[in-house]
Amino acid sequence: MRVLVAGGSGCIGRSTVEALIRHGIEVTAPARGEHTARTPSDLGATPLAGALTDTGVLWGAARQAYGMIHLGADCSEGTADVDRAAAEAMQDGAAAVLPPRVWQALPTGASQFGLS
């Protein structure tokens, strides 16, 4: 089973990646650059070049994943819009896979707290 973890290099993301891998689950984690790619790689996850703003990358990765966990954050201006677009890209990617899978989206990131 493969799970996409956006924010896999962050504090909560690292613990999440470790727990998934410990349970034998393959993890893919988008990373903005080489520095952030090292953390998931060191934990045993497969880093994927891309940020929360790379919705095409997130959409494609979600198509190949059985599940998605969105723990990422973008601290630039318009953070709520970035968060929403990233979540929608992952949901749309998952929805494009046939046969459909059962999944549940949970609110995370800036939009959960009304930040923009």
N, C-alpha and C. Protein backbone atom coordinates (compact mmCIF):
# COMPACT_ATOMS: atom_id res chain seq x y z
N MET A 1 0.85 -1.17 0.00
CA MET A 1 0.00 0.00 0.00
C MET A 1 0.90 1.23 0.00
N ARG A 2 0.52 2.23 -0.77
CA ARG A 2 1.27 3.48 -0.84
C ARG A 2 0.40 4.62 -0.33
N VAL A 3 1.00 5.47 0.52
CA VAL A 3 0.30 6.63 1.07
C VAL A 3 1.11 7.87 0.72
N LEU A 4 0.42 8.90 0.28
CA LEU A 4 1.01 10.20 -0.01
C LEU A 4 0.90 11.05 1.24
N VAL A 5 2.04 11.57 1.73
CA VAL A 5 2.04 12.41 2.92
C VAL A 5 2.59 13.79 2.55
N ALA A 6 1.70 14.75 2.36
CA ALA A 6 2.13 16.13 2.13
C ALA A 6 2.54 16.71 3.48
N GLY A 7 3.75 17.27 3.54
CA GLY A 7 4.27 17.77 4.81
C GLY A 7 5.05 16.72 5.55
N GLY A 8 5.55 15.72 4.84
CA GLY A 8 6.27 14.62 5.47
C GLY A 8 7.59 15.00 6.10
N SER A 9 8.09 16.20 5.82
CA SER A 9 9.35 16.62 6.43
C SER A 9 9.13 17.50 7.67
N GLY A 10 7.89 17.82 7.97
CA GLY A 10 7.59 18.65 9.14
C GLY A 10 7.57 17.84 10.43
N CYS A 11 7.35 18.51 11.53
CA CYS A 11 7.38 17.87 12.84
C CYS A 11 6.36 16.74 12.95
N ILE A 12 5.11 17.02 12.67
CA ILE A 12 4.08 15.98 12.72
C ILE A 12 4.25 15.00 11.56
N GLY A 13 4.63 15.53 10.41
CA GLY A 13 4.83 14.69 9.23
C GLY A 13 5.89 13.62 9.43
N ARG A 14 7.00 13.98 10.07
CA ARG A 14 8.06 13.00 10.31
C ARG A 14 7.55 11.84 11.15
N SER A 15 6.83 12.15 12.20
CA SER A 15 6.29 11.08 13.06
C SER A 15 5.28 10.23 12.29
N THR A 16 4.50 10.86 11.45
CA THR A 16 3.51 10.14 10.65
C THR A 16 4.20 9.21 9.66
N VAL A 17 5.22 9.71 8.97
CA VAL A 17 5.98 8.88 8.02
C VAL A 17 6.61 7.71 8.74
N GLU A 18 7.23 7.96 9.88
CA GLU A 18 7.86 6.88 10.65
C GLU A 18 6.85 5.81 11.03
N ALA A 19 5.68 6.22 11.49
CA ALA A 19 4.66 5.25 11.91
C ALA A 19 4.16 4.43 10.73
N LEU A 20 3.93 5.08 9.60
CA LEU A 20 3.45 4.35 8.42
C LEU A 20 4.48 3.32 7.96
N ILE A 21 5.72 3.74 7.88
CA ILE A 21 6.78 2.83 7.43
C ILE A 21 6.97 1.69 8.43
N ARG A 22 6.87 2.00 9.70
CA ARG A 22 6.99 0.96 10.73
C ARG A 22 5.92 -0.12 10.55
N HIS A 23 4.77 0.27 9.99
CA HIS A 23 3.68 -0.68 9.74
C HIS A 23 3.72 -1.26 8.33
N GLY A 24 4.84 -1.09 7.65
CA GLY A 24 5.03 -1.70 6.33
C GLY A 24 4.33 -0.98 5.19
N ILE A 25 4.00 0.28 5.38
CA ILE A 25 3.31 1.05 4.34
C ILE A 25 4.33 1.89 3.60
N GLU A 26 4.28 1.84 2.27
CA GLU A 26 5.15 2.63 1.43
C GLU A 26 4.67 4.08 1.44
N VAL A 27 5.59 5.02 1.60
CA VAL A 27 5.23 6.43 1.72
C VAL A 27 5.92 7.24 0.63
N THR A 28 5.15 8.11 0.01
CA THR A 28 5.68 9.11 -0.91
C THR A 28 5.43 10.47 -0.27
N ALA A 29 6.44 11.34 -0.28
CA ALA A 29 6.32 12.65 0.36
C ALA A 29 6.84 13.75 -0.56
N PRO A 30 5.95 14.66 -0.99
CA PRO A 30 6.42 15.79 -1.79
C PRO A 30 7.42 16.63 -0.99
N ALA A 31 8.41 17.18 -1.69
CA ALA A 31 9.42 18.01 -1.04
C ALA A 31 9.76 19.19 -1.94
N ARG A 32 9.86 20.36 -1.34
CA ARG A 32 10.14 21.59 -2.10
C ARG A 32 11.53 21.61 -2.70
N GLY A 33 12.47 20.95 -2.10
CA GLY A 33 13.85 20.99 -2.59
C GLY A 33 14.68 19.87 -1.98
N GLU A 34 15.97 19.90 -2.30
CA GLU A 34 16.87 18.84 -1.83
C GLU A 34 16.92 18.76 -0.31
N HIS A 35 16.93 19.92 0.34
CA HIS A 35 17.01 19.93 1.80
C HIS A 35 15.80 19.25 2.44
N THR A 36 14.60 19.62 1.99
CA THR A 36 13.40 19.01 2.58
C THR A 36 13.20 17.58 2.10
N ALA A 37 13.82 17.19 1.00
CA ALA A 37 13.71 15.81 0.51
C ALA A 37 14.54 14.85 1.36
N ARG A 38 15.56 15.36 2.03
CA ARG A 38 16.43 14.48 2.83
C ARG A 38 15.68 13.85 4.00
N THR A 39 14.80 14.61 4.63
CA THR A 39 14.11 14.10 5.81
C THR A 39 13.26 12.87 5.49
N PRO A 40 12.32 12.94 4.53
CA PRO A 40 11.55 11.73 4.24
C PRO A 40 12.43 10.60 3.72
N SER A 41 13.44 10.95 2.94
CA SER A 41 14.34 9.92 2.41
C SER A 41 15.07 9.21 3.54
N ASP A 42 15.57 9.97 4.50
CA ASP A 42 16.26 9.37 5.66
C ASP A 42 15.33 8.47 6.47
N LEU A 43 14.03 8.75 6.42
CA LEU A 43 13.06 7.95 7.17
C LEU A 43 12.60 6.72 6.39
N GLY A 44 13.00 6.63 5.11
CA GLY A 44 12.61 5.49 4.30
C GLY A 44 11.49 5.77 3.32
N ALA A 45 11.05 7.02 3.24
CA ALA A 45 10.00 7.39 2.30
C ALA A 45 10.63 7.78 0.96
N THR A 46 9.81 7.80 -0.07
CA THR A 46 10.25 8.23 -1.39
C THR A 46 9.91 9.70 -1.55
N PRO A 47 10.93 10.57 -1.64
CA PRO A 47 10.64 11.98 -1.85
C PRO A 47 10.17 12.22 -3.28
N LEU A 48 9.30 13.19 -3.44
CA LEU A 48 8.75 13.55 -4.73
C LEU A 48 8.97 15.05 -4.92
N ALA A 49 9.65 15.43 -6.01
CA ALA A 49 9.93 16.85 -6.25
C ALA A 49 8.62 17.60 -6.47
N GLY A 50 8.32 18.53 -5.57
CA GLY A 50 7.12 19.32 -5.70
C GLY A 50 6.73 19.94 -4.37
N ALA A 51 6.04 21.07 -4.46
CA ALA A 51 5.56 21.79 -3.28
C ALA A 51 4.04 21.75 -3.27
N LEU A 52 3.44 22.32 -2.24
CA LEU A 52 1.98 22.39 -2.18
C LEU A 52 1.40 23.19 -3.33
N THR A 53 2.19 24.07 -3.90
CA THR A 53 1.72 24.86 -5.03
C THR A 53 1.77 24.10 -6.35
N ASP A 54 2.42 22.94 -6.37
CA ASP A 54 2.52 22.11 -7.58
C ASP A 54 1.34 21.14 -7.63
N THR A 55 0.17 21.68 -7.94
CA THR A 55 -1.05 20.87 -7.87
C THR A 55 -1.05 19.72 -8.87
N GLY A 56 -0.40 19.88 -10.00
CA GLY A 56 -0.31 18.78 -10.96
C GLY A 56 0.49 17.60 -10.42
N VAL A 57 1.56 17.90 -9.70
CA VAL A 57 2.37 16.86 -9.07
C VAL A 57 1.55 16.15 -8.00
N LEU A 58 0.84 16.92 -7.19
CA LEU A 58 0.02 16.33 -6.13
C LEU A 58 -1.10 15.46 -6.72
N TRP A 59 -1.73 15.95 -7.78
CA TRP A 59 -2.80 15.20 -8.44
C TRP A 59 -2.26 13.86 -8.94
N GLY A 60 -1.13 13.89 -9.62
CA GLY A 60 -0.54 12.65 -10.15
C GLY A 60 -0.12 11.68 -9.06
N ALA A 61 0.45 12.21 -7.98
CA ALA A 61 0.87 11.34 -6.87
C ALA A 61 -0.33 10.73 -6.18
N ALA A 62 -1.41 11.49 -6.05
CA ALA A 62 -2.62 10.97 -5.41
C ALA A 62 -3.24 9.86 -6.25
N ARG A 63 -3.12 9.93 -7.56
CA ARG A 63 -3.64 8.87 -8.43
C ARG A 63 -2.95 7.54 -8.16
N GLN A 64 -1.71 7.61 -7.74
CA GLN A 64 -0.92 6.39 -7.53
C GLN A 64 -0.90 5.94 -6.07
N ALA A 65 -1.55 6.68 -5.21
CA ALA A 65 -1.54 6.36 -3.78
C ALA A 65 -2.88 5.75 -3.37
N TYR A 66 -2.81 4.94 -2.35
CA TYR A 66 -4.05 4.36 -1.81
C TYR A 66 -4.69 5.31 -0.80
N GLY A 67 -3.87 6.14 -0.20
CA GLY A 67 -4.38 7.11 0.77
C GLY A 67 -3.54 8.36 0.76
N MET A 68 -4.09 9.44 1.29
CA MET A 68 -3.39 10.71 1.34
C MET A 68 -3.55 11.32 2.73
N ILE A 69 -2.47 11.93 3.20
CA ILE A 69 -2.50 12.66 4.46
C ILE A 69 -1.91 14.03 4.17
N HIS A 70 -2.69 15.07 4.41
CA HIS A 70 -2.25 16.44 4.12
C HIS A 70 -1.86 17.13 5.41
N LEU A 71 -0.54 17.19 5.65
CA LEU A 71 0.00 17.86 6.84
C LEU A 71 0.86 19.05 6.46
N GLY A 72 0.90 19.35 5.17
CA GLY A 72 1.76 20.41 4.67
C GLY A 72 1.24 21.80 4.98
N ALA A 73 2.13 22.76 4.95
CA ALA A 73 1.77 24.16 5.16
C ALA A 73 2.61 25.03 4.25
N ASP A 74 1.98 26.04 3.69
CA ASP A 74 2.67 27.03 2.88
C ASP A 74 2.47 28.36 3.60
N CYS A 75 3.55 29.00 3.99
CA CYS A 75 3.45 30.20 4.81
C CYS A 75 3.53 31.49 4.01
N SER A 76 3.32 31.41 2.71
CA SER A 76 3.35 32.61 1.88
C SER A 76 1.99 33.30 1.92
N GLU A 77 1.93 34.46 1.28
CA GLU A 77 0.65 35.16 1.19
C GLU A 77 -0.35 34.29 0.44
N GLY A 78 -1.57 34.26 0.89
CA GLY A 78 -2.58 33.42 0.25
C GLY A 78 -2.51 31.97 0.68
N THR A 79 -2.01 31.74 1.88
CA THR A 79 -1.78 30.38 2.35
C THR A 79 -3.05 29.53 2.36
N ALA A 80 -4.20 30.13 2.68
CA ALA A 80 -5.44 29.36 2.69
C ALA A 80 -5.79 28.88 1.29
N ASP A 81 -5.55 29.71 0.28
CA ASP A 81 -5.83 29.33 -1.10
C ASP A 81 -4.90 28.20 -1.55
N VAL A 82 -3.62 28.30 -1.16
CA VAL A 82 -2.66 27.24 -1.49
C VAL A 82 -3.07 25.93 -0.84
N ASP A 83 -3.44 26.00 0.43
CA ASP A 83 -3.86 24.82 1.18
C ASP A 83 -5.08 24.17 0.53
N ARG A 84 -6.05 24.99 0.18
CA ARG A 84 -7.28 24.48 -0.43
C ARG A 84 -6.99 23.84 -1.80
N ALA A 85 -6.18 24.52 -2.62
CA ALA A 85 -5.85 23.99 -3.95
C ALA A 85 -5.09 22.67 -3.85
N ALA A 86 -4.18 22.57 -2.88
CA ALA A 86 -3.42 21.32 -2.69
C ALA A 86 -4.36 20.19 -2.28
N ALA A 87 -5.24 20.46 -1.33
CA ALA A 87 -6.18 19.43 -0.87
C ALA A 87 -7.11 19.00 -2.01
N GLU A 88 -7.59 19.96 -2.78
CA GLU A 88 -8.48 19.62 -3.90
C GLU A 88 -7.75 18.82 -4.97
N ALA A 89 -6.48 19.16 -5.25
CA ALA A 89 -5.71 18.41 -6.24
C ALA A 89 -5.54 16.96 -5.81
N MET A 90 -5.26 16.75 -4.52
CA MET A 90 -5.09 15.37 -4.04
C MET A 90 -6.42 14.62 -4.06
N GLN A 91 -7.51 15.29 -3.69
CA GLN A 91 -8.82 14.64 -3.72
C GLN A 91 -9.22 14.31 -5.15
N ASP A 92 -8.99 15.25 -6.07
CA ASP A 92 -9.35 15.01 -7.47
C ASP A 92 -8.51 13.89 -8.08
N GLY A 93 -7.23 13.83 -7.72
CA GLY A 93 -6.37 12.76 -8.21
C GLY A 93 -6.85 11.40 -7.73
N ALA A 94 -7.23 11.34 -6.47
CA ALA A 94 -7.73 10.08 -5.92
C ALA A 94 -9.05 9.70 -6.56
N ALA A 95 -9.91 10.69 -6.81
CA ALA A 95 -11.23 10.42 -7.39
C ALA A 95 -11.12 9.95 -8.84
N ALA A 96 -10.01 10.27 -9.52
CA ALA A 96 -9.84 9.90 -10.92
C ALA A 96 -9.49 8.43 -11.10
N VAL A 97 -9.16 7.76 -10.02
CA VAL A 97 -8.73 6.36 -10.10
C VAL A 97 -9.95 5.45 -10.13
N LEU A 98 -9.94 4.51 -11.03
CA LEU A 98 -11.00 3.50 -11.10
C LEU A 98 -10.39 2.16 -10.74
N PRO A 99 -11.02 1.33 -9.96
CA PRO A 99 -12.30 1.55 -9.30
C PRO A 99 -12.14 2.56 -8.18
N PRO A 100 -13.22 3.25 -7.83
CA PRO A 100 -13.13 4.26 -6.78
C PRO A 100 -12.77 3.65 -5.43
N ARG A 101 -12.05 4.41 -4.66
CA ARG A 101 -11.67 3.98 -3.31
C ARG A 101 -12.45 4.80 -2.31
N VAL A 102 -12.60 4.27 -1.14
CA VAL A 102 -13.26 5.01 -0.07
C VAL A 102 -12.20 5.85 0.62
N TRP A 103 -12.46 7.14 0.73
CA TRP A 103 -11.52 8.02 1.42
C TRP A 103 -12.30 9.13 2.09
N GLN A 104 -11.65 9.74 3.05
CA GLN A 104 -12.28 10.82 3.79
C GLN A 104 -11.29 11.96 3.88
N ALA A 105 -11.73 13.15 3.56
CA ALA A 105 -10.88 14.33 3.66
C ALA A 105 -11.10 14.98 5.02
N LEU A 106 -10.02 15.23 5.71
CA LEU A 106 -10.08 15.90 7.00
C LEU A 106 -9.46 17.28 6.85
N PRO A 107 -10.04 18.31 7.45
CA PRO A 107 -9.48 19.65 7.31
C PRO A 107 -8.13 19.76 8.01
N THR A 108 -7.17 20.35 7.33
CA THR A 108 -5.85 20.57 7.92
C THR A 108 -5.34 21.91 7.44
N GLY A 109 -4.25 22.33 7.98
CA GLY A 109 -3.56 23.51 7.49
C GLY A 109 -4.26 24.81 7.82
N ALA A 110 -3.86 25.83 7.09
CA ALA A 110 -4.30 27.19 7.38
C ALA A 110 -5.81 27.37 7.22
N SER A 111 -6.39 26.70 6.24
CA SER A 111 -7.82 26.92 6.01
C SER A 111 -8.67 26.44 7.19
N GLN A 112 -8.17 25.47 7.94
CA GLN A 112 -8.89 24.96 9.10
C GLN A 112 -9.03 26.05 10.16
N PHE A 113 -8.04 26.92 10.22
CA PHE A 113 -8.02 27.94 11.24
C PHE A 113 -8.46 29.32 10.74
N GLY A 114 -8.93 29.37 9.48
CA GLY A 114 -9.40 30.62 8.92
C GLY A 114 -8.29 31.61 8.61
N LEU A 115 -7.07 31.11 8.42
CA LEU A 115 -5.94 31.99 8.09
C LEU A 115 -5.88 32.21 6.59
N SER A 116 -5.49 33.39 6.20
CA SER A 116 -5.31 33.64 4.77
C SER A 116 -4.12 34.53 4.55
